[in-house]
């Protein structure tokens, strides 16, 4: 799913709904894979990936907004699992 974010960034796509949906799917996928692998806590892997992607997309306020306000509500849902 991070390839979708890269495509959105390269195309200067600004569709907030599609970008948010991509983030939701990415976070869900990372969380599910972490649970299945049993390696570490899922919330730690989600946080590590968000940090990594933040560095990659930090110059795009639409793909990675400074506050991550569009993705922030997704994190508590996943961290409690």
Protein backbone atom coordinates (compact mmCIF):
# COMPACT_ATOMS: atom_id res chain seq x y z
CA UNK A 1 0.00 0.00 0.00
CA UNK A 2 2.91 2.37 0.45
CA UNK A 3 3.36 2.16 -3.32
CA UNK A 4 -0.09 3.79 -3.63
CA UNK A 5 1.08 6.64 -1.43
CA UNK A 6 4.20 7.02 -3.61
CA UNK A 7 2.05 7.13 -6.74
CA UNK A 8 -0.25 9.70 -5.16
CA UNK A 9 2.79 11.80 -4.24
CA UNK A 10 4.37 11.51 -7.69
CA UNK A 11 1.12 12.49 -9.34
CA UNK A 12 0.51 15.32 -6.85
CA UNK A 13 -2.85 13.69 -6.12
CA UNK A 14 -4.81 15.44 -3.38
CA UNK A 15 -7.91 13.28 -2.92
CA UNK A 16 -8.12 13.16 0.86
CA UNK A 17 -10.62 10.30 0.92
CA UNK A 18 -8.50 7.98 -1.22
CA UNK A 19 -5.32 8.92 0.66
CA UNK A 20 -6.99 8.23 4.01
CA UNK A 21 -8.32 4.90 2.72
CA UNK A 22 -4.81 3.95 1.61
CA UNK A 23 -3.43 4.81 5.07
CA UNK A 24 -6.21 2.77 6.73
CA UNK A 25 -5.42 -0.27 4.60
CA UNK A 26 -1.69 0.12 5.15
CA UNK A 27 -2.02 0.38 8.94
CA UNK A 28 -4.43 -2.55 9.03
CA UNK A 29 -2.11 -4.67 6.89
CA UNK A 30 0.95 -3.92 9.03
CA UNK A 31 -1.00 -4.67 12.20
CA UNK A 32 -2.44 -7.94 10.84
CA UNK A 33 0.96 -9.10 9.55
CA UNK A 34 2.58 -8.29 12.89
CA UNK A 35 -0.05 -10.29 14.78
CA UNK A 36 0.35 -13.25 12.44
CA UNK A 37 4.14 -13.26 12.65
CA UNK A 38 4.24 -12.92 16.43
CA UNK A 39 7.33 -10.71 16.13
CA UNK A 40 7.06 -7.79 18.52
CA UNK A 41 4.02 -5.80 19.47
CA UNK A 42 1.82 -4.81 16.53
CA UNK A 43 1.56 -1.18 17.70
CA UNK A 44 5.36 -0.89 17.70
CA UNK A 45 5.59 -2.12 14.12
CA UNK A 46 2.81 0.24 13.06
CA UNK A 47 4.63 3.15 14.73
CA UNK A 48 7.97 2.17 13.13
CA UNK A 49 6.38 2.03 9.70
CA UNK A 50 4.63 5.37 10.14
CA UNK A 51 7.95 6.93 11.14
CA UNK A 52 9.65 5.37 8.10
CA UNK A 53 6.92 6.57 5.77
CA UNK A 54 6.95 9.98 7.44
CA UNK A 55 10.58 10.40 6.42
CA UNK A 56 9.76 9.24 2.91
CA UNK A 57 6.71 11.45 2.41
CA UNK A 58 7.51 14.38 4.69
CA UNK A 59 7.60 16.84 1.81
CA UNK A 60 3.98 16.14 0.87
CA UNK A 61 1.43 17.78 3.12
CA UNK A 62 -1.36 15.82 1.41
CA UNK A 63 0.19 12.36 1.70
CA UNK A 64 1.75 12.87 5.14
CA UNK A 65 0.15 15.90 6.79
CA UNK A 66 2.20 17.50 9.58
CA UNK A 67 -0.33 16.52 12.22
CA UNK A 68 -1.29 13.18 10.66
CA UNK A 69 -4.77 14.23 11.77
CA UNK A 70 -6.37 12.15 9.05
CA UNK A 71 -4.72 8.96 10.35
CA UNK A 72 -4.52 9.68 14.07
CA UNK A 73 -7.99 8.25 14.83
CA UNK A 74 -6.88 4.93 13.32
CA UNK A 75 -3.98 4.43 15.70
CA UNK A 76 -5.82 4.00 19.02
CA UNK A 77 -8.11 1.40 17.43
CA UNK A 78 -5.11 -0.69 16.48
CA UNK A 79 -2.95 -0.09 19.56
CA UNK A 80 -5.48 -1.66 21.90
CA UNK A 81 -5.39 -4.99 20.05
